[in-house]
């Protein structure tokens, strides 16, 4: 499932003490289907990190 934004944005906004309404925006067609399936991402030969998103935010903002 690609890179869903709300699970990434909510911790950021919480650390900043902000709230924002979020609405899902579905990208139609083949491109949208590919993004939802995660076809735009690859792990073949990619370096992967060890930190979580929350750990990164804590270091940068906390």
PDB file of N, CA and C in Angstrom:
ATOM      1  N   UNK A   1       0.818  -1.205   0.000  1.00  0.00           N
ATOM      2  CA  UNK A   1       0.000   0.000   0.000  1.00  0.00           C
ATOM      3  C   UNK A   1       0.846   1.246   0.000  1.00  0.00           C
ATOM      4  N   UNK A   2       1.764   1.405  -0.823  1.00  0.00           N
ATOM      5  CA  UNK A   2       2.459   2.670  -1.011  1.00  0.00           C
ATOM      6  C   UNK A   2       2.900   3.353   0.258  1.00  0.00           C
ATOM      7  N   UNK A   3       2.757   4.645   0.315  1.00  0.00           N
ATOM      8  CA  UNK A   3       3.194   5.481   1.426  1.00  0.00           C
ATOM      9  C   UNK A   3       2.015   6.330   1.890  1.00  0.00           C
ATOM     10  N   UNK A   4       1.158   5.779   2.759  1.00  0.00           N
ATOM     11  CA  UNK A   4      -0.018   6.545   3.185  1.00  0.00           C
ATOM     12  C   UNK A   4       0.385   7.768   4.011  1.00  0.00           C
ATOM     13  N   UNK A   5      -0.155   8.900   3.660  1.00  0.00           N
ATOM     14  CA  UNK A   5       0.226  10.149   4.307  1.00  0.00           C
ATOM     15  C   UNK A   5      -0.321  10.325   5.722  1.00  0.00           C
ATOM     16  N   UNK A   6      -1.599  10.049   6.014  1.00  0.00           N
ATOM     17  CA  UNK A   6      -2.092  10.328   7.360  1.00  0.00           C
ATOM     18  C   UNK A   6      -1.302   9.682   8.491  1.00  0.00           C
ATOM     19  N   UNK A   7      -0.882   8.414   8.391  1.00  0.00           N
ATOM     20  CA  UNK A   7      -0.088   7.870   9.499  1.00  0.00           C
ATOM     21  C   UNK A   7       1.254   8.561   9.671  1.00  0.00           C
ATOM     22  N   UNK A   8       1.738   9.229   8.646  1.00  0.00           N
ATOM     23  CA  UNK A   8       2.997   9.978   8.750  1.00  0.00           C
ATOM     24  C   UNK A   8       2.736  11.401   9.236  1.00  0.00           C
ATOM     25  N   UNK A   9       1.639  11.984   8.812  1.00  0.00           N
ATOM     26  CA  UNK A   9       1.365  13.381   9.160  1.00  0.00           C
ATOM     27  C   UNK A   9       0.868  13.534  10.589  1.00  0.00           C
ATOM     28  N   UNK A  10       0.090  12.607  11.082  1.00  0.00           N
ATOM     29  CA  UNK A  10      -0.489  12.754  12.425  1.00  0.00           C
ATOM     30  C   UNK A  10       0.562  12.879  13.526  1.00  0.00           C
ATOM     31  N   UNK A  11       1.594  12.014  13.584  1.00  0.00           N
ATOM     32  CA  UNK A  11       2.613  12.197  14.625  1.00  0.00           C
ATOM     33  C   UNK A  11       3.355  13.526  14.498  1.00  0.00           C
ATOM     34  N   UNK A  12       3.617  13.951  13.267  1.00  0.00           N
ATOM     35  CA  UNK A  12       4.288  15.235  13.047  1.00  0.00           C
ATOM     36  C   UNK A  12       3.447  16.376  13.606  1.00  0.00           C
ATOM     37  N   UNK A  13       2.185  16.384  13.252  1.00  0.00           N
ATOM     38  CA  UNK A  13       1.302  17.456  13.724  1.00  0.00           C
ATOM     39  C   UNK A  13       1.159  17.414  15.245  1.00  0.00           C
ATOM     40  N   UNK A  14       1.088  16.215  15.817  1.00  0.00           N
ATOM     41  CA  UNK A  14       0.961  16.100  17.272  1.00  0.00           C
ATOM     42  C   UNK A  14       2.193  16.672  17.969  1.00  0.00           C
ATOM     43  N   UNK A  15       3.385  16.377  17.454  1.00  0.00           N
ATOM     44  CA  UNK A  15       4.602  16.917  18.057  1.00  0.00           C
ATOM     45  C   UNK A  15       4.665  18.436  17.941  1.00  0.00           C
ATOM     46  N   UNK A  16       4.095  18.981  16.885  1.00  0.00           N
ATOM     47  CA  UNK A  16       4.079  20.424  16.699  1.00  0.00           C
ATOM     48  C   UNK A  16       2.916  21.086  17.441  1.00  0.00           C
ATOM     49  N   UNK A  17       2.046  20.278  18.043  1.00  0.00           N
ATOM     50  CA  UNK A  17       0.900  20.828  18.770  1.00  0.00           C
ATOM     51  C   UNK A  17      -0.177  21.375  17.848  1.00  0.00           C
ATOM     52  N   UNK A  18      -0.299  20.791  16.673  1.00  0.00           N
ATOM     53  CA  UNK A  18      -1.273  21.268  15.684  1.00  0.00           C
ATOM     54  C   UNK A  18      -2.237  20.163  15.301  1.00  0.00           C
ATOM     55  N   UNK A  19      -3.381  20.573  14.791  1.00  0.00           N
ATOM     56  CA  UNK A  19      -4.376  19.642  14.272  1.00  0.00           C
ATOM     57  C   UNK A  19      -4.802  20.132  12.901  1.00  0.00           C
ATOM     58  N   UNK A  20      -4.983  19.202  12.006  1.00  0.00           N
ATOM     59  CA  UNK A  20      -5.442  19.543  10.664  1.00  0.00           C
ATOM     60  C   UNK A  20      -6.453  18.504  10.214  1.00  0.00           C
ATOM     61  N   UNK A  21      -7.550  18.939   9.637  1.00  0.00           N
ATOM     62  CA  UNK A  21      -8.470  17.953   9.068  1.00  0.00           C
ATOM     63  C   UNK A  21      -7.827  17.299   7.846  1.00  0.00           C
ATOM     64  N   UNK A  22      -8.070  16.019   7.680  1.00  0.00           N
ATOM     65  CA  UNK A  22      -7.505  15.298   6.545  1.00  0.00           C
ATOM     66  C   UNK A  22      -8.608  14.551   5.820  1.00  0.00           C
ATOM     67  N   UNK A  23      -8.599  14.690   4.532  1.00  0.00           N
ATOM     68  CA  UNK A  23      -9.559  13.985   3.699  1.00  0.00           C
ATOM     69  C   UNK A  23      -8.811  13.072   2.742  1.00  0.00           C
ATOM     70  N   UNK A  24      -9.307  11.868   2.536  1.00  0.00           N
ATOM     71  CA  UNK A  24      -8.641  10.995   1.572  1.00  0.00           C
ATOM     72  C   UNK A  24      -8.858  11.500   0.146  1.00  0.00           C
ATOM     73  N   UNK A  25      -7.812  11.461  -0.643  1.00  0.00           N
ATOM     74  CA  UNK A  25      -7.889  11.858  -2.045  1.00  0.00           C
ATOM     75  C   UNK A  25      -7.437  10.654  -2.859  1.00  0.00           C
ATOM     76  N   UNK A  26      -8.340  10.095  -3.599  1.00  0.00           N
ATOM     77  CA  UNK A  26      -8.027   8.915  -4.391  1.00  0.00           C
ATOM     78  C   UNK A  26      -7.593   9.340  -5.790  1.00  0.00           C
ATOM     79  N   UNK A  27      -6.429   8.872  -6.202  1.00  0.00           N
ATOM     80  CA  UNK A  27      -5.931   9.165  -7.541  1.00  0.00           C
ATOM     81  C   UNK A  27      -6.536   8.133  -8.481  1.00  0.00           C
ATOM     82  N   UNK A  28      -7.260   8.562  -9.492  1.00  0.00           N
ATOM     83  CA  UNK A  28      -7.938   7.611 -10.370  1.00  0.00           C
ATOM     84  C   UNK A  28      -7.013   7.000 -11.426  1.00  0.00           C
ATOM     85  N   UNK A  29      -7.483   5.959 -12.059  1.00  0.00           N
ATOM     86  CA  UNK A  29      -6.819   5.378 -13.221  1.00  0.00           C
ATOM     87  C   UNK A  29      -5.669   4.454 -12.887  1.00  0.00           C
ATOM     88  N   UNK A  30      -4.904   4.140 -13.942  1.00  0.00           N
ATOM     89  CA  UNK A  30      -3.788   3.216 -13.807  1.00  0.00           C
ATOM     90  C   UNK A  30      -2.718   3.732 -12.852  1.00  0.00           C
ATOM     91  N   UNK A  31      -2.429   5.018 -12.939  1.00  0.00           N
ATOM     92  CA  UNK A  31      -1.394   5.591 -12.077  1.00  0.00           C
ATOM     93  C   UNK A  31      -1.800   5.477 -10.609  1.00  0.00           C
ATOM     94  N   UNK A  32      -3.039   5.792 -10.310  1.00  0.00           N
ATOM     95  CA  UNK A  32      -3.524   5.678  -8.941  1.00  0.00           C
ATOM     96  C   UNK A  32      -3.487   4.246  -8.447  1.00  0.00           C
ATOM     97  N   UNK A  33      -3.880   3.323  -9.289  1.00  0.00           N
ATOM     98  CA  UNK A  33      -3.866   1.902  -8.933  1.00  0.00           C
ATOM     99  C   UNK A  33      -2.428   1.449  -8.638  1.00  0.00           C
ATOM    100  N   UNK A  34      -1.482   1.919  -9.454  1.00  0.00           N
ATOM    101  CA  UNK A  34      -0.080   1.559  -9.242  1.00  0.00           C
ATOM    102  C   UNK A  34       0.444   2.126  -7.917  1.00  0.00           C
ATOM    103  N   UNK A  35       0.111   3.382  -7.612  1.00  0.00           N
ATOM    104  CA  UNK A  35       0.553   3.974  -6.341  1.00  0.00           C
ATOM    105  C   UNK A  35      -0.061   3.242  -5.155  1.00  0.00           C
ATOM    106  N   UNK A  36      -1.340   2.923  -5.230  1.00  0.00           N
ATOM    107  CA  UNK A  36      -1.989   2.211  -4.124  1.00  0.00           C
ATOM    108  C   UNK A  36      -1.374   0.838  -3.905  1.00  0.00           C
ATOM    109  N   UNK A  37      -0.905   0.205  -4.965  1.00  0.00           N
ATOM    110  CA  UNK A  37      -0.280  -1.110  -4.874  1.00  0.00           C
ATOM    111  C   UNK A  37       1.188  -1.012  -4.455  1.00  0.00           C
ATOM    112  N   UNK A  38       1.741   0.197  -4.413  1.00  0.00           N
ATOM    113  CA  UNK A  38       3.132   0.376  -4.035  1.00  0.00           C
ATOM    114  C   UNK A  38       4.092   0.112  -5.172  1.00  0.00           C
ATOM    115  N   UNK A  39       3.600   0.105  -6.420  1.00  0.00           N
ATOM    116  CA  UNK A  39       4.443  -0.180  -7.571  1.00  0.00           C
ATOM    117  C   UNK A  39       5.479   0.915  -7.836  1.00  0.00           C
ATOM    118  N   UNK A  40       5.303   2.086  -7.223  1.00  0.00           N
ATOM    119  CA  UNK A  40       6.266   3.168  -7.414  1.00  0.00           C
ATOM    120  C   UNK A  40       7.454   3.033  -6.457  1.00  0.00           C
ATOM    121  N   UNK A  41       7.387   2.078  -5.552  1.00  0.00           N
ATOM    122  CA  UNK A  41       8.453   1.880  -4.567  1.00  0.00           C
ATOM    123  C   UNK A  41       9.239   0.617  -4.893  1.00  0.00           C
ATOM    124  N   UNK A  42      10.502   0.619  -4.539  1.00  0.00           N
ATOM    125  CA  UNK A  42      11.307  -0.574  -4.747  1.00  0.00           C
ATOM    126  C   UNK A  42      12.248  -0.755  -3.563  1.00  0.00           C
ATOM    127  N   UNK A  43      12.507  -1.981  -3.223  1.00  0.00           N
ATOM    128  CA  UNK A  43      13.496  -2.277  -2.192  1.00  0.00           C
ATOM    129  C   UNK A  43      14.667  -3.053  -2.778  1.00  0.00           C
ATOM    130  N   UNK A  44      14.605  -3.389  -4.058  1.00  0.00           N
ATOM    131  CA  UNK A  44      15.683  -4.119  -4.700  1.00  0.00           C
ATOM    132  C   UNK A  44      16.931  -3.246  -4.766  1.00  0.00           C
ATOM    133  N   UNK A  45      17.941  -3.609  -4.017  1.00  0.00           N
ATOM    134  CA  UNK A  45      19.194  -2.858  -4.023  1.00  0.00           C
ATOM    135  C   UNK A  45      19.165  -1.568  -3.235  1.00  0.00           C
ATOM    136  N   UNK A  46      18.060  -1.264  -2.585  1.00  0.00           N
ATOM    137  CA  UNK A  46      17.954  -0.013  -1.829  1.00  0.00           C
ATOM    138  C   UNK A  46      18.515  -0.201  -0.422  1.00  0.00           C
ATOM    139  N   UNK A  47      19.107   0.869   0.108  1.00  0.00           N
ATOM    140  CA  UNK A  47      19.544   0.850   1.494  1.00  0.00           C
ATOM    141  C   UNK A  47      18.335   1.174   2.358  1.00  0.00           C
ATOM    142  N   UNK A  48      18.162   0.431   3.419  1.00  0.00           N
ATOM    143  CA  UNK A  48      17.034   0.672   4.306  1.00  0.00           C
ATOM    144  C   UNK A  48      17.546   1.134   5.658  1.00  0.00           C
ATOM    145  N   UNK A  49      16.819   2.035   6.263  1.00  0.00           N
ATOM    146  CA  UNK A  49      17.195   2.565   7.559  1.00  0.00           C
ATOM    147  C   UNK A  49      16.705   1.709   8.700  1.00  0.00           C
ATOM    148  N   UNK A  50      17.129   2.054   9.884  1.00  0.00           N
ATOM    149  CA  UNK A  50      16.756   1.302  11.084  1.00  0.00           C
ATOM    150  C   UNK A  50      15.816   2.090  11.991  1.00  0.00           C
ATOM    151  N   UNK A  51      15.689   3.395  11.755  1.00  0.00           N
ATOM    152  CA  UNK A  51      14.836   4.229  12.604  1.00  0.00           C
ATOM    153  C   UNK A  51      13.397   4.169  12.145  1.00  0.00           C
ATOM    154  N   UNK A  52      12.496   4.397  13.088  1.00  0.00           N
ATOM    155  CA  UNK A  52      11.085   4.535  12.737  1.00  0.00           C
ATOM    156  C   UNK A  52      10.809   6.012  12.454  1.00  0.00           C
ATOM    157  N   UNK A  53       9.671   6.271  11.853  1.00  0.00           N
ATOM    158  CA  UNK A  53       9.257   7.647  11.580  1.00  0.00           C
ATOM    159  C   UNK A  53       9.136   8.435  12.879  1.00  0.00           C
ATOM    160  N   UNK A  54       8.576   7.813  13.908  1.00  0.00           N
ATOM    161  CA  UNK A  54       8.406   8.479  15.194  1.00  0.00           C
ATOM    162  C   UNK A  54       9.757   8.809  15.837  1.00  0.00           C
ATOM    163  N   UNK A  55      10.733   7.907  15.723  1.00  0.00           N
ATOM    164  CA  UNK A  55      12.079   8.179  16.259  1.00  0.00           C
ATOM    165  C   UNK A  55      12.731   9.350  15.517  1.00  0.00           C
ATOM    166  N   UNK A  56      12.581   9.368  14.199  1.00  0.00           N
ATOM    167  CA  UNK A  56      13.123  10.464  13.410  1.00  0.00           C
ATOM    168  C   UNK A  56      12.514  11.794  13.841  1.00  0.00           C
ATOM    169  N   UNK A  57      11.182  11.823  13.969  1.00  0.00           N
ATOM    170  CA  UNK A  57      10.524  13.070  14.373  1.00  0.00           C
ATOM    171  C   UNK A  57      10.965  13.500  15.765  1.00  0.00           C
ATOM    172  N   UNK A  58      11.110  12.532  16.680  1.00  0.00           N
ATOM    173  CA  UNK A  58      11.545  12.858  18.027  1.00  0.00           C
ATOM    174  C   UNK A  58      12.921  13.491  18.046  1.00  0.00           C
ATOM    175  N   UNK A  59      13.817  12.992  17.203  1.00  0.00           N
ATOM    176  CA  UNK A  59      15.157  13.563  17.110  1.00  0.00           C
ATOM    177  C   UNK A  59      15.138  14.959  16.487  1.00  0.00           C
ATOM    178  N   UNK A  60      14.315  15.145  15.476  1.00  0.00           N
ATOM    179  CA  UNK A  60      14.287  16.424  14.771  1.00  0.00           C
ATOM    180  C   UNK A  60      13.466  17.488  15.491  1.00  0.00           C
ATOM    181  N   UNK A  61      12.357  17.075  16.088  1.00  0.00           N
ATOM    182  CA  UNK A  61      11.428  18.058  16.646  1.00  0.00           C
ATOM    183  C   UNK A  61      11.321  18.001  18.166  1.00  0.00           C
ATOM    184  N   UNK A  62      11.670  16.867  18.748  1.00  0.00           N
ATOM    185  CA  UNK A  62      11.452  16.661  20.176  1.00  0.00           C
ATOM    186  C   UNK A  62      12.537  17.218  21.003  1.00  0.00           C
TER     187      UNK A  62
END
